[in-house]
Amino acid sequence: MRCAALVAVVLMATPLIAQDAIEVTPLEPLDLDAIIEDVLEEQQKAIVRTVTSDGVVLRGVDKLDGTVEELSIPAGVPLVFGGLSLTLKECRYPEDNPSGDAFAFLTIDEQGVEIFSGWMIGSSPALNALDHQRYDVWVLRCKTSDTEGG
C-alpha cells in the first residue's frame, strides 16, 4: 500500500515539475501582406502569355511501313493520315517566342471512333501522346506568319 501511495505522489508531482521546465517564447506576427505579394510575384513569373494560331504542323509516323510525314493542318479542317482523321481545335504558342513551344488541342478518329482528344505539347510529346499500335503523331509547331509564311 505504501508503494502505491508513493507512486501516486510521484505521478501527481510530475506535471508540476514538467510545467516549470517548459519555456514558452511567443512567435513573431506574420506579415501576411508581404507573403501574399511574394506569392503573386512568383505566379506572375510562371504565367506564359500565349497567342492562338490558325494551324499546326505535326509529324506523323506509320510504324508498319516506316513512312514519316510532316502534316500541316488548318484549324477545324480534318486531315487524313493513313487510317486516322486528325482535327485541330486550337494551337497556341508563347507570345514572345513564335517558334517556341506549341500547345495543340487535337481530336483523332479511327474509322469514325474517337481515339484521342486533348492537348499535345510540342516540347513534351510523351506527356499526352496518341497511344496507337500503328501510328505516332506529335506536335512540331503552330503555324504562324513567322514560321510558315501564313
N, C-alpha and C. Protein backbone atom coordinates (compact mmCIF):
# COMPACT_ATOMS: atom_id res chain seq x y z
N MET A 1 0.82 -1.18 0.00
CA MET A 1 0.00 0.00 0.00
C MET A 1 0.87 1.25 0.00
N ARG A 2 1.97 1.20 0.76
CA ARG A 2 2.86 2.35 0.79
C ARG A 2 3.45 2.62 -0.59
N CYS A 3 3.71 1.59 -1.31
CA CYS A 3 4.30 1.73 -2.64
C CYS A 3 3.30 2.41 -3.58
N ALA A 4 2.04 2.06 -3.52
CA ALA A 4 1.03 2.66 -4.37
C ALA A 4 0.86 4.13 -4.03
N ALA A 5 0.93 4.48 -2.77
CA ALA A 5 0.80 5.88 -2.36
C ALA A 5 1.99 6.69 -2.86
N LEU A 6 3.17 6.09 -2.80
CA LEU A 6 4.38 6.76 -3.28
C LEU A 6 4.31 6.99 -4.79
N VAL A 7 3.83 6.01 -5.53
CA VAL A 7 3.68 6.15 -6.98
C VAL A 7 2.68 7.25 -7.30
N ALA A 8 1.57 7.31 -6.57
CA ALA A 8 0.55 8.34 -6.79
C ALA A 8 1.11 9.72 -6.54
N VAL A 9 1.91 9.91 -5.52
CA VAL A 9 2.52 11.21 -5.23
C VAL A 9 3.48 11.61 -6.34
N VAL A 10 4.28 10.68 -6.81
CA VAL A 10 5.24 10.96 -7.87
C VAL A 10 4.51 11.34 -9.16
N LEU A 11 3.45 10.59 -9.50
CA LEU A 11 2.70 10.88 -10.72
C LEU A 11 2.01 12.23 -10.66
N MET A 12 1.50 12.61 -9.49
CA MET A 12 0.84 13.91 -9.35
C MET A 12 1.85 15.04 -9.41
N ALA A 13 3.05 14.84 -8.97
CA ALA A 13 4.06 15.88 -8.93
C ALA A 13 4.74 16.06 -10.29
N THR A 14 4.73 15.03 -11.12
CA THR A 14 5.43 15.07 -12.40
C THR A 14 4.95 16.20 -13.29
N PRO A 15 3.62 16.42 -13.48
CA PRO A 15 3.21 17.54 -14.33
C PRO A 15 3.67 18.89 -13.79
N LEU A 16 3.71 19.06 -12.49
CA LEU A 16 4.16 20.33 -11.93
C LEU A 16 5.62 20.58 -12.24
N ILE A 17 6.42 19.52 -12.14
CA ILE A 17 7.85 19.64 -12.43
C ILE A 17 8.04 19.94 -13.92
N ALA A 18 7.29 19.25 -14.78
CA ALA A 18 7.43 19.43 -16.22
C ALA A 18 6.99 20.83 -16.64
N GLN A 19 5.94 21.36 -16.02
CA GLN A 19 5.47 22.69 -16.37
C GLN A 19 6.50 23.76 -16.04
N ASP A 20 7.22 23.59 -14.95
CA ASP A 20 8.23 24.57 -14.60
C ASP A 20 9.40 24.55 -15.59
N ALA A 21 9.66 23.41 -16.21
CA ALA A 21 10.82 23.27 -17.09
C ALA A 21 10.56 23.80 -18.50
N ILE A 22 9.31 23.99 -18.91
CA ILE A 22 8.99 24.43 -20.27
C ILE A 22 9.05 25.95 -20.35
N GLU A 23 9.79 26.41 -21.32
CA GLU A 23 9.90 27.85 -21.53
C GLU A 23 9.18 28.20 -22.83
N VAL A 24 8.23 29.10 -22.78
CA VAL A 24 7.43 29.46 -23.94
C VAL A 24 7.88 30.82 -24.45
N THR A 25 8.19 30.84 -25.75
CA THR A 25 8.55 32.11 -26.38
C THR A 25 7.49 32.44 -27.42
N PRO A 26 6.96 33.63 -27.40
CA PRO A 26 5.91 33.98 -28.37
C PRO A 26 6.50 34.10 -29.78
N LEU A 27 5.67 33.73 -30.76
CA LEU A 27 6.08 33.85 -32.16
C LEU A 27 5.91 35.28 -32.63
N GLU A 28 6.76 35.67 -33.58
CA GLU A 28 6.61 36.99 -34.16
C GLU A 28 5.39 36.96 -35.09
N PRO A 29 4.65 38.04 -35.15
CA PRO A 29 3.47 38.04 -36.03
C PRO A 29 3.90 37.94 -37.49
N LEU A 30 3.08 37.23 -38.30
CA LEU A 30 3.36 37.08 -39.72
C LEU A 30 2.96 38.34 -40.47
N ASP A 31 3.76 38.70 -41.45
CA ASP A 31 3.43 39.82 -42.32
C ASP A 31 2.71 39.23 -43.54
N LEU A 32 1.39 39.04 -43.42
CA LEU A 32 0.61 38.38 -44.46
C LEU A 32 0.65 39.15 -45.78
N ASP A 33 0.67 40.46 -45.73
CA ASP A 33 0.71 41.24 -46.97
C ASP A 33 1.98 40.95 -47.76
N ALA A 34 3.11 40.85 -47.07
CA ALA A 34 4.38 40.56 -47.75
C ALA A 34 4.38 39.14 -48.32
N ILE A 35 3.82 38.20 -47.58
CA ILE A 35 3.75 36.81 -48.05
C ILE A 35 2.88 36.72 -49.30
N ILE A 36 1.73 37.37 -49.28
CA ILE A 36 0.82 37.35 -50.44
C ILE A 36 1.49 38.01 -51.63
N GLU A 37 2.18 39.11 -51.42
CA GLU A 37 2.87 39.80 -52.51
C GLU A 37 3.94 38.90 -53.14
N ASP A 38 4.70 38.18 -52.32
CA ASP A 38 5.72 37.26 -52.82
C ASP A 38 5.11 36.14 -53.65
N VAL A 39 4.00 35.59 -53.18
CA VAL A 39 3.33 34.50 -53.91
C VAL A 39 2.81 35.01 -55.25
N LEU A 40 2.21 36.19 -55.27
CA LEU A 40 1.70 36.74 -56.52
C LEU A 40 2.82 37.03 -57.52
N GLU A 41 3.97 37.51 -57.03
CA GLU A 41 5.11 37.74 -57.91
C GLU A 41 5.58 36.45 -58.56
N GLU A 42 5.65 35.37 -57.78
CA GLU A 42 6.07 34.07 -58.31
C GLU A 42 5.08 33.55 -59.33
N GLN A 43 3.79 33.74 -59.10
CA GLN A 43 2.78 33.30 -60.05
C GLN A 43 2.89 34.07 -61.35
N GLN A 44 3.14 35.37 -61.28
CA GLN A 44 3.28 36.18 -62.49
C GLN A 44 4.47 35.72 -63.32
N LYS A 45 5.55 35.31 -62.67
CA LYS A 45 6.73 34.81 -63.38
C LYS A 45 6.41 33.51 -64.11
N ALA A 46 5.51 32.69 -63.54
CA ALA A 46 5.19 31.39 -64.11
C ALA A 46 4.19 31.48 -65.27
N ILE A 47 3.49 32.58 -65.40
CA ILE A 47 2.48 32.71 -66.45
C ILE A 47 3.15 32.93 -67.79
N VAL A 48 2.74 32.13 -68.77
CA VAL A 48 3.24 32.28 -70.14
C VAL A 48 2.07 32.78 -70.98
N ARG A 49 2.21 33.96 -71.49
CA ARG A 49 1.16 34.51 -72.34
C ARG A 49 1.25 33.86 -73.72
N THR A 50 0.10 33.41 -74.23
CA THR A 50 0.09 32.69 -75.49
C THR A 50 -0.76 33.39 -76.54
N VAL A 51 -0.50 33.04 -77.78
CA VAL A 51 -1.25 33.54 -78.93
C VAL A 51 -1.84 32.32 -79.62
N THR A 52 -3.07 32.47 -80.11
CA THR A 52 -3.73 31.37 -80.82
C THR A 52 -3.39 31.44 -82.31
N SER A 53 -3.11 30.29 -82.86
CA SER A 53 -2.75 30.18 -84.27
C SER A 53 -3.91 29.55 -85.04
N ASP A 54 -3.87 29.68 -86.37
CA ASP A 54 -4.93 29.07 -87.18
C ASP A 54 -4.52 27.74 -87.79
N GLY A 55 -3.40 27.19 -87.36
CA GLY A 55 -2.98 25.90 -87.89
C GLY A 55 -1.85 25.31 -87.08
N VAL A 56 -1.52 24.05 -87.39
CA VAL A 56 -0.47 23.35 -86.67
C VAL A 56 0.33 22.50 -87.66
N VAL A 57 1.57 22.26 -87.32
CA VAL A 57 2.42 21.35 -88.08
C VAL A 57 2.72 20.16 -87.17
N LEU A 58 2.37 18.96 -87.64
CA LEU A 58 2.56 17.73 -86.88
C LEU A 58 3.55 16.83 -87.60
N ARG A 59 4.08 15.88 -86.90
CA ARG A 59 4.87 14.82 -87.50
C ARG A 59 4.10 13.54 -87.30
N GLY A 60 3.91 12.80 -88.39
CA GLY A 60 3.21 11.52 -88.34
C GLY A 60 4.12 10.40 -88.79
N VAL A 61 4.10 9.31 -88.05
CA VAL A 61 4.91 8.14 -88.40
C VAL A 61 3.98 6.93 -88.52
N ASP A 62 4.09 6.25 -89.67
CA ASP A 62 3.41 4.96 -89.84
C ASP A 62 4.44 3.89 -89.50
N LYS A 63 4.29 3.26 -88.35
CA LYS A 63 5.30 2.31 -87.87
C LYS A 63 5.32 1.02 -88.69
N LEU A 64 4.25 0.73 -89.41
CA LEU A 64 4.19 -0.50 -90.19
C LEU A 64 5.04 -0.42 -91.45
N ASP A 65 4.89 0.68 -92.20
CA ASP A 65 5.68 0.79 -93.43
C ASP A 65 6.86 1.77 -93.31
N GLY A 66 7.03 2.40 -92.14
CA GLY A 66 8.19 3.24 -91.88
C GLY A 66 8.14 4.62 -92.50
N THR A 67 7.00 5.06 -92.95
CA THR A 67 6.92 6.39 -93.56
C THR A 67 6.77 7.46 -92.48
N VAL A 68 7.43 8.59 -92.75
CA VAL A 68 7.36 9.75 -91.86
C VAL A 68 6.86 10.92 -92.68
N GLU A 69 5.84 11.61 -92.16
CA GLU A 69 5.28 12.75 -92.90
C GLU A 69 5.15 13.96 -92.00
N GLU A 70 5.38 15.13 -92.58
CA GLU A 70 5.10 16.38 -91.89
C GLU A 70 3.71 16.82 -92.34
N LEU A 71 2.80 16.98 -91.38
CA LEU A 71 1.40 17.26 -91.67
C LEU A 71 1.06 18.68 -91.26
N SER A 72 0.53 19.46 -92.18
CA SER A 72 0.11 20.83 -91.90
C SER A 72 -1.42 20.84 -91.90
N ILE A 73 -2.00 21.20 -90.74
CA ILE A 73 -3.45 21.13 -90.59
C ILE A 73 -4.00 22.49 -90.19
N PRO A 74 -4.93 23.03 -90.96
CA PRO A 74 -5.61 24.25 -90.53
C PRO A 74 -6.65 23.91 -89.46
N ALA A 75 -6.98 24.87 -88.63
CA ALA A 75 -7.95 24.65 -87.55
C ALA A 75 -9.31 24.29 -88.12
N GLY A 76 -9.92 23.26 -87.56
CA GLY A 76 -11.28 22.88 -87.91
C GLY A 76 -11.44 22.04 -89.17
N VAL A 77 -10.37 21.80 -89.90
CA VAL A 77 -10.45 21.03 -91.14
C VAL A 77 -9.76 19.67 -90.92
N PRO A 78 -10.52 18.57 -90.99
CA PRO A 78 -9.90 17.25 -90.78
C PRO A 78 -8.89 16.92 -91.88
N LEU A 79 -7.83 16.23 -91.48
CA LEU A 79 -6.82 15.76 -92.42
C LEU A 79 -6.66 14.26 -92.21
N VAL A 80 -6.60 13.51 -93.29
CA VAL A 80 -6.45 12.06 -93.19
C VAL A 80 -4.97 11.72 -93.26
N PHE A 81 -4.53 10.93 -92.29
CA PHE A 81 -3.16 10.39 -92.27
C PHE A 81 -3.29 8.89 -92.05
N GLY A 82 -3.01 8.11 -93.11
CA GLY A 82 -3.19 6.67 -93.01
C GLY A 82 -4.65 6.36 -92.71
N GLY A 83 -4.89 5.63 -91.64
CA GLY A 83 -6.25 5.30 -91.23
C GLY A 83 -6.82 6.25 -90.19
N LEU A 84 -6.13 7.37 -89.97
CA LEU A 84 -6.56 8.32 -88.95
C LEU A 84 -7.11 9.59 -89.57
N SER A 85 -8.04 10.22 -88.86
CA SER A 85 -8.54 11.54 -89.23
C SER A 85 -8.16 12.48 -88.10
N LEU A 86 -7.33 13.49 -88.43
CA LEU A 86 -6.83 14.43 -87.42
C LEU A 86 -7.52 15.78 -87.58
N THR A 87 -8.01 16.34 -86.46
CA THR A 87 -8.66 17.65 -86.50
C THR A 87 -8.06 18.52 -85.41
N LEU A 88 -7.62 19.71 -85.81
CA LEU A 88 -7.09 20.69 -84.86
C LEU A 88 -8.23 21.56 -84.37
N LYS A 89 -8.39 21.65 -83.06
CA LYS A 89 -9.35 22.57 -82.46
C LYS A 89 -8.68 23.92 -82.21
N GLU A 90 -7.44 23.87 -81.67
CA GLU A 90 -6.74 25.12 -81.33
C GLU A 90 -5.25 24.85 -81.19
N CYS A 91 -4.44 25.81 -81.60
CA CYS A 91 -2.99 25.74 -81.40
C CYS A 91 -2.53 27.05 -80.78
N ARG A 92 -1.75 26.96 -79.72
CA ARG A 92 -1.24 28.14 -79.02
C ARG A 92 0.28 28.07 -78.95
N TYR A 93 0.90 29.25 -78.94
CA TYR A 93 2.35 29.33 -78.80
C TYR A 93 2.69 30.55 -77.95
N PRO A 94 3.89 30.60 -77.35
CA PRO A 94 4.26 31.73 -76.49
C PRO A 94 4.28 33.04 -77.29
N GLU A 95 3.68 34.07 -76.71
CA GLU A 95 3.57 35.37 -77.36
C GLU A 95 4.94 35.95 -77.72
N ASP A 96 5.91 35.78 -76.84
CA ASP A 96 7.23 36.37 -77.07
C ASP A 96 8.19 35.45 -77.83
N ASN A 97 7.71 34.25 -78.22
CA ASN A 97 8.58 33.30 -78.92
C ASN A 97 7.74 32.47 -79.90
N PRO A 98 7.42 33.01 -81.08
CA PRO A 98 6.56 32.31 -82.02
C PRO A 98 7.08 30.94 -82.46
N SER A 99 8.39 30.77 -82.49
CA SER A 99 8.92 29.46 -82.88
C SER A 99 9.13 28.56 -81.66
N GLY A 100 8.65 29.02 -80.50
CA GLY A 100 8.81 28.25 -79.27
C GLY A 100 7.81 27.11 -79.16
N ASP A 101 7.57 26.70 -77.95
CA ASP A 101 6.73 25.55 -77.66
C ASP A 101 5.32 25.70 -78.21
N ALA A 102 4.77 24.62 -78.74
CA ALA A 102 3.41 24.62 -79.27
C ALA A 102 2.51 23.78 -78.38
N PHE A 103 1.28 24.27 -78.19
CA PHE A 103 0.26 23.57 -77.41
C PHE A 103 -0.93 23.39 -78.34
N ALA A 104 -1.22 22.16 -78.76
CA ALA A 104 -2.29 21.93 -79.73
C ALA A 104 -3.36 21.02 -79.15
N PHE A 105 -4.62 21.44 -79.30
CA PHE A 105 -5.74 20.60 -78.90
C PHE A 105 -6.22 19.87 -80.15
N LEU A 106 -6.08 18.55 -80.13
CA LEU A 106 -6.39 17.72 -81.29
C LEU A 106 -7.45 16.68 -80.94
N THR A 107 -8.23 16.32 -81.95
CA THR A 107 -9.05 15.12 -81.85
C THR A 107 -8.62 14.21 -82.99
N ILE A 108 -8.47 12.93 -82.68
CA ILE A 108 -8.03 11.95 -83.67
C ILE A 108 -9.03 10.81 -83.67
N ASP A 109 -9.56 10.52 -84.87
CA ASP A 109 -10.54 9.45 -85.05
C ASP A 109 -9.93 8.35 -85.90
N GLU A 110 -10.38 7.13 -85.64
CA GLU A 110 -10.03 6.00 -86.48
C GLU A 110 -11.33 5.29 -86.84
N GLN A 111 -11.65 5.28 -88.11
CA GLN A 111 -12.89 4.69 -88.62
C GLN A 111 -14.11 5.22 -87.87
N GLY A 112 -14.14 6.54 -87.66
CA GLY A 112 -15.28 7.18 -87.03
C GLY A 112 -15.33 7.09 -85.52
N VAL A 113 -14.34 6.45 -84.90
CA VAL A 113 -14.30 6.32 -83.44
C VAL A 113 -13.18 7.21 -82.90
N GLU A 114 -13.53 8.10 -81.97
CA GLU A 114 -12.52 8.99 -81.39
C GLU A 114 -11.56 8.17 -80.53
N ILE A 115 -10.26 8.25 -80.86
CA ILE A 115 -9.25 7.52 -80.09
C ILE A 115 -8.34 8.44 -79.29
N PHE A 116 -8.43 9.75 -79.59
CA PHE A 116 -7.65 10.72 -78.84
C PHE A 116 -8.37 12.06 -78.89
N SER A 117 -8.39 12.74 -77.74
CA SER A 117 -8.90 14.10 -77.68
C SER A 117 -8.18 14.79 -76.52
N GLY A 118 -7.41 15.81 -76.82
CA GLY A 118 -6.71 16.51 -75.76
C GLY A 118 -5.58 17.37 -76.28
N TRP A 119 -4.85 17.95 -75.31
CA TRP A 119 -3.73 18.83 -75.63
C TRP A 119 -2.47 18.01 -75.82
N MET A 120 -1.75 18.29 -76.89
CA MET A 120 -0.40 17.76 -77.09
C MET A 120 0.54 18.95 -76.97
N ILE A 121 1.68 18.72 -76.35
CA ILE A 121 2.66 19.78 -76.12
C ILE A 121 3.92 19.45 -76.90
N GLY A 122 4.34 20.40 -77.72
CA GLY A 122 5.49 20.18 -78.60
C GLY A 122 6.76 19.76 -77.87
N SER A 123 7.03 20.38 -76.72
CA SER A 123 8.28 20.08 -76.01
C SER A 123 8.20 18.79 -75.19
N SER A 124 7.00 18.25 -75.00
CA SER A 124 6.81 17.03 -74.21
C SER A 124 5.86 16.09 -74.92
N PRO A 125 6.28 15.50 -76.03
CA PRO A 125 5.34 14.67 -76.80
C PRO A 125 4.84 13.44 -76.04
N ALA A 126 5.59 12.96 -75.10
CA ALA A 126 5.16 11.76 -74.37
C ALA A 126 4.21 12.08 -73.23
N LEU A 127 4.06 13.36 -72.89
CA LEU A 127 3.20 13.74 -71.77
C LEU A 127 1.75 13.37 -72.01
N ASN A 128 1.24 13.63 -73.19
CA ASN A 128 -0.14 13.29 -73.53
C ASN A 128 -0.13 12.85 -74.99
N ALA A 129 0.31 11.62 -75.21
CA ALA A 129 0.56 11.15 -76.57
C ALA A 129 -0.58 10.29 -77.08
N LEU A 130 -0.63 10.17 -78.40
CA LEU A 130 -1.54 9.23 -79.04
C LEU A 130 -1.00 7.83 -78.78
N ASP A 131 -1.82 6.98 -78.19
CA ASP A 131 -1.42 5.60 -77.90
C ASP A 131 -2.04 4.70 -78.97
N HIS A 132 -1.28 4.44 -80.02
CA HIS A 132 -1.79 3.65 -81.15
C HIS A 132 -0.75 2.62 -81.56
N GLN A 133 -1.21 1.44 -81.94
CA GLN A 133 -0.27 0.37 -82.29
C GLN A 133 0.44 0.62 -83.62
N ARG A 134 -0.16 1.40 -84.52
CA ARG A 134 0.46 1.61 -85.83
C ARG A 134 1.02 3.01 -86.03
N TYR A 135 0.36 4.03 -85.50
CA TYR A 135 0.74 5.41 -85.80
C TYR A 135 1.26 6.16 -84.58
N ASP A 136 2.24 7.02 -84.82
CA ASP A 136 2.69 8.01 -83.84
C ASP A 136 2.43 9.38 -84.45
N VAL A 137 1.88 10.28 -83.65
CA VAL A 137 1.64 11.65 -84.10
C VAL A 137 2.05 12.57 -82.97
N TRP A 138 2.81 13.63 -83.30
CA TRP A 138 3.16 14.61 -82.28
C TRP A 138 3.27 16.00 -82.90
N VAL A 139 3.20 17.00 -82.05
CA VAL A 139 3.21 18.40 -82.48
C VAL A 139 4.64 18.88 -82.68
N LEU A 140 4.86 19.57 -83.80
CA LEU A 140 6.14 20.23 -84.03
C LEU A 140 6.06 21.71 -83.69
N ARG A 141 5.06 22.41 -84.27
CA ARG A 141 4.92 23.85 -84.04
C ARG A 141 3.55 24.32 -84.52
N CYS A 142 3.17 25.47 -84.07
CA CYS A 142 1.97 26.13 -84.57
C CYS A 142 2.34 26.86 -85.86
N LYS A 143 1.37 27.00 -86.75
CA LYS A 143 1.59 27.78 -87.96
C LYS A 143 1.44 29.26 -87.62
N THR A 144 2.46 30.03 -87.96
CA THR A 144 2.43 31.47 -87.75
C THR A 144 3.01 32.13 -88.99
N SER A 145 2.83 33.43 -89.10
CA SER A 145 3.42 34.14 -90.24
C SER A 145 4.95 34.07 -90.18
N ASP A 146 5.50 33.98 -88.95
CA ASP A 146 6.96 33.90 -88.80
C ASP A 146 7.51 32.54 -89.19
N THR A 147 6.74 31.46 -88.95
CA THR A 147 7.26 30.11 -89.19
C THR A 147 6.78 29.50 -90.48
N GLU A 148 5.64 29.96 -91.02
CA GLU A 148 5.06 29.29 -92.19
C GLU A 148 4.78 30.22 -93.36
N GLY A 149 4.97 31.49 -93.15
CA GLY A 149 4.61 32.41 -94.22
C GLY A 149 3.10 32.60 -94.35
N GLY A 150 2.35 32.32 -93.27
CA GLY A 150 0.91 32.50 -93.35
C GLY A 150 0.30 31.95 -92.20
